[in-house]
Structure formats: C-alpha cells, structure tokens
Amino acid sequence: MASRARVRIQLDRGAVQAMLTDERGLVGRDIRRRGERVQAVARSLAPVRTGRLRASITVRMVRVGGRPSAVVGTDVPYARYQHDGTGIYRPGGTVIRPRTASVLRFVPSGGGGVVYARYVRGTPGTHFLARALPAAGDNWSGTPAPLSPPAPAAPSWTSRAAGWARSLGGRRRR
C-alpha cells in the first residue's frame, strides 16, 4: 500500500530577498568572486612600464537595479589610451597631428634620440579589460570560462615610433 505524506514548505521571503540582493548574500559573493577573477586576469594582461596601471585595477561592488554588480576598472588617467588605443587605432580615430607647431617632437622611451614627424598613426590598444571579461565565467559552477590566448606582443613603442617617423618623412636627430 502506498504511503502519503504532506509536506508544507514555507519560504522566508526576506531571507530569499537578502540572498539575491545583499552584497554578502549568495549571489553577491559569487559576483564579487567573478569580479576578482576578471581583476586578476586584467592585471596580468595590462601593459607594464612602471606598474601603476596594473596596481590600479580594482573591483568595486555597486547596486544596479537593486541587485549587486561588480565593476572592474582603473582610475589612472592614461588607462583609456592604453586600453582603446590612440590615433587611428581608437574608435573613430584619425592620425595625430601637431596642434600649434609644424611637427611633432618626441623622444621614444627606448632612447635613440629625438624624433620629428608631421603626424603619427598612434598606438594600438591592448584591450586588457575587455580581454579579461571571459574570466568571469558564464556558469554557476564557479569554473571560469576559458580565455583565448593573449594577443601577440606588438613591437616596442620605440621601434614603431622610429618606423613611423621615417615612413612619414620625419628626421631622427642624435
């Protein structure tokens, strides 16, 4: 003979709401963990000269529509140029030309003397934050999504600047 049992489930709506919307709840902790994974990968992908940009990448918890969200970013002023690129490489970009002089004058970071150029194309962006985003994962198992291999290293800024200057009719003085 089959047995019957009655089960009554009573949900604590306040506890469920806290679990879903509180930063310390189940969902909030998972979002923070995902943000920290993105932060770690972004730091590994960020270009390094002094380490300031890499060290400035942080995770901040915010509320969007009453729900916890993680914001991964940096407040370093030059981060946007490193991420998106400059000149023709930035969205909607054009070549970089001097505003008040007839030529641009700069010393490449690798040394080698002063470079003069009528214009330069700019520098491609590294997109370190966008490339780190897949580390957040797309499932609830806590397993990060696989990352695509990093983009091949670009030639050094010095060699690019010298090449651009020569191709644009610029002169190099020692």
Protein backbone atom coordinates (compact mmCIF):
# COMPACT_ATOMS: atom_id res chain seq x y z
CA MET A 1 0.00 0.00 0.00
CA ALA A 2 1.32 3.43 -0.92
CA SER A 3 2.04 5.92 1.83
CA ARG A 4 1.13 9.52 1.59
CA ALA A 5 2.86 12.36 3.27
CA ARG A 6 2.05 16.01 3.34
CA VAL A 7 4.89 18.47 3.13
CA ARG A 8 4.47 22.12 3.76
CA ILE A 9 7.23 24.45 2.62
CA GLN A 10 7.31 27.94 3.96
CA LEU A 11 9.81 30.35 2.44
CA ASP A 12 11.23 33.24 4.37
CA ARG A 13 10.84 35.89 1.67
CA GLY A 14 13.15 38.27 3.50
CA ALA A 15 15.94 35.68 3.61
CA VAL A 16 15.48 34.82 -0.07
CA GLN A 17 15.49 38.52 -0.97
CA ALA A 18 18.68 39.06 1.07
CA MET A 19 20.32 36.05 -0.60
CA LEU A 20 19.59 37.53 -4.03
CA THR A 21 20.19 41.23 -3.41
CA ASP A 22 22.62 41.59 -0.49
CA GLU A 23 26.30 42.00 -1.33
CA ARG A 24 27.09 39.40 1.36
CA GLY A 25 24.42 37.00 0.09
CA LEU A 26 24.95 34.00 -2.15
CA VAL A 27 24.61 35.96 -5.39
CA GLY A 28 26.66 38.93 -4.16
CA ARG A 29 29.54 36.70 -3.08
CA ASP A 30 29.50 34.92 -6.44
CA ILE A 31 29.55 38.23 -8.31
CA ARG A 32 32.46 39.50 -6.19
CA ARG A 33 34.38 36.27 -6.86
CA ARG A 34 33.81 36.67 -10.59
CA GLY A 35 34.91 40.31 -10.43
CA GLU A 36 38.09 39.30 -8.64
CA ARG A 37 38.85 36.74 -11.37
CA VAL A 38 38.40 39.43 -14.03
CA GLN A 39 40.64 41.75 -11.98
CA ALA A 40 43.40 39.12 -11.75
CA VAL A 41 43.34 38.42 -15.49
CA ALA A 42 43.17 42.15 -16.36
CA ARG A 43 46.23 42.77 -14.18
CA SER A 44 48.11 40.02 -15.98
CA LEU A 45 47.16 41.45 -19.40
CA ALA A 46 47.77 45.15 -18.59
CA PRO A 47 50.88 46.68 -20.13
CA VAL A 48 53.61 47.39 -17.57
CA ARG A 49 56.15 50.16 -17.59
CA THR A 50 56.03 51.44 -14.02
CA GLY A 51 53.37 49.09 -12.62
CA ARG A 52 50.99 51.94 -11.77
CA LEU A 53 48.29 50.86 -14.24
CA ARG A 54 48.43 47.21 -13.16
CA ALA A 55 48.26 48.12 -9.47
CA SER A 56 45.31 50.47 -10.02
CA ILE A 57 42.93 47.81 -11.38
CA THR A 58 40.29 47.29 -8.69
CA VAL A 59 36.94 45.59 -8.08
CA ARG A 60 34.12 47.66 -6.66
CA MET A 61 30.70 46.35 -5.68
CA VAL A 62 27.73 48.51 -6.74
CA ARG A 63 23.97 48.10 -6.97
CA VAL A 64 22.29 48.16 -10.36
CA GLY A 65 18.51 47.93 -10.29
CA GLY A 66 18.69 46.87 -6.65
CA ARG A 67 20.98 43.94 -7.43
CA PRO A 68 24.67 43.54 -6.64
CA SER A 69 27.12 44.08 -9.51
CA ALA A 70 30.89 44.20 -9.75
CA VAL A 71 32.75 46.98 -11.53
CA VAL A 72 36.33 46.22 -12.55
CA GLY A 73 38.31 49.24 -13.66
CA THR A 74 41.02 51.77 -13.00
CA ASP A 75 41.21 55.48 -12.30
CA VAL A 76 44.60 56.04 -13.92
CA PRO A 77 44.15 58.87 -16.47
CA TYR A 78 46.09 57.15 -19.26
CA ALA A 79 44.31 53.79 -18.90
CA ARG A 80 41.80 54.64 -21.62
CA TYR A 81 44.57 55.27 -24.13
CA GLN A 82 46.29 52.01 -23.21
CA HIS A 83 43.01 50.11 -23.45
CA ASP A 84 41.41 51.67 -26.55
CA GLY A 85 44.49 52.90 -28.40
CA THR A 86 45.30 56.30 -29.82
CA GLY A 87 45.24 57.91 -33.24
CA ILE A 88 43.83 55.71 -36.00
CA TYR A 89 43.57 52.76 -33.61
CA ARG A 90 40.96 54.28 -31.29
CA PRO A 91 37.28 54.12 -32.26
CA GLY A 92 36.61 56.82 -34.85
CA GLY A 93 40.26 57.85 -34.70
CA THR A 94 42.43 59.78 -37.11
CA VAL A 95 46.16 60.39 -37.32
CA ILE A 96 47.75 62.51 -34.61
CA ARG A 97 48.94 65.89 -35.87
CA PRO A 98 50.56 68.81 -34.04
CA ARG A 99 48.10 71.47 -32.86
CA THR A 100 50.33 74.52 -32.73
CA ALA A 101 53.66 73.53 -34.31
CA SER A 102 54.53 72.23 -37.76
CA VAL A 103 55.88 68.89 -36.47
CA LEU A 104 55.57 66.58 -33.51
CA ARG A 105 58.72 66.19 -31.44
CA PHE A 106 59.28 63.33 -29.01
CA VAL A 107 61.92 61.07 -27.55
CA PRO A 108 60.98 57.39 -27.78
CA SER A 109 61.07 55.54 -24.46
CA GLY A 110 63.87 53.26 -25.65
CA GLY A 111 66.14 56.22 -26.29
CA GLY A 112 67.98 56.76 -29.53
CA GLY A 113 67.43 60.48 -29.93
CA VAL A 114 64.70 62.95 -30.76
CA VAL A 115 62.11 62.10 -33.43
CA TYR A 116 60.34 64.73 -35.56
CA ALA A 117 57.24 63.83 -37.56
CA ARG A 118 54.40 65.67 -39.32
CA TYR A 119 51.96 63.11 -37.96
CA VAL A 120 51.88 59.67 -36.37
CA ARG A 121 49.29 56.92 -36.64
CA GLY A 122 49.08 56.31 -32.90
CA THR A 123 49.32 53.17 -30.82
CA PRO A 124 47.02 50.13 -30.93
CA GLY A 125 45.06 49.44 -27.76
CA THR A 126 45.72 46.41 -25.61
CA HIS A 127 42.04 45.92 -24.61
CA PHE A 128 43.23 44.35 -21.36
CA LEU A 129 39.89 44.82 -19.56
CA ALA A 130 37.74 43.55 -22.44
CA ARG A 131 40.01 40.53 -22.93
CA ALA A 132 39.79 39.75 -19.20
CA LEU A 133 35.98 39.66 -19.14
CA PRO A 134 35.62 35.97 -20.13
CA ALA A 135 37.35 35.11 -16.83
CA ALA A 136 34.05 35.90 -15.08
CA GLY A 137 32.68 32.65 -16.45
CA ASP A 138 29.20 32.08 -17.77
CA ASN A 139 28.01 29.34 -15.47
CA TRP A 140 27.22 28.93 -11.79
CA SER A 141 29.72 26.15 -11.14
CA GLY A 142 32.45 28.64 -10.35
CA THR A 143 34.56 27.43 -13.27
CA PRO A 144 35.95 30.34 -15.28
CA ALA A 145 35.34 30.32 -18.99
CA PRO A 146 38.49 29.50 -20.97
CA LEU A 147 40.47 32.52 -22.09
CA SER A 148 41.62 32.99 -25.61
CA PRO A 149 45.40 33.14 -25.90
CA PRO A 150 46.84 36.62 -25.40
CA ALA A 151 47.37 38.74 -28.48
CA PRO A 152 50.87 38.56 -29.92
CA ALA A 153 53.21 41.14 -28.47
CA ALA A 154 53.41 44.31 -30.52
CA PRO A 155 56.79 45.70 -31.49
CA SER A 156 58.25 48.08 -28.95
CA TRP A 157 56.99 51.64 -28.93
CA THR A 158 60.49 52.86 -29.82
CA SER A 159 60.79 50.81 -32.98
CA ARG A 160 57.24 51.74 -34.06
CA ALA A 161 57.87 55.46 -33.46
CA ALA A 162 61.13 55.42 -35.40
CA GLY A 163 59.50 53.48 -38.24
CA TRP A 164 56.52 55.84 -38.40
CA ALA A 165 58.74 58.88 -38.37
CA ARG A 166 60.83 57.52 -41.25
CA SER A 167 57.76 56.49 -43.25
CA LEU A 168 56.21 59.90 -42.75
CA GLY A 169 59.26 61.86 -43.79
CA GLY A 170 60.36 62.62 -40.26
CA ARG A 171 64.00 63.02 -39.35
CA ARG A 172 65.82 61.42 -36.47
CA ARG A 173 68.48 63.51 -34.71
CA ARG A 174 71.06 62.15 -32.30
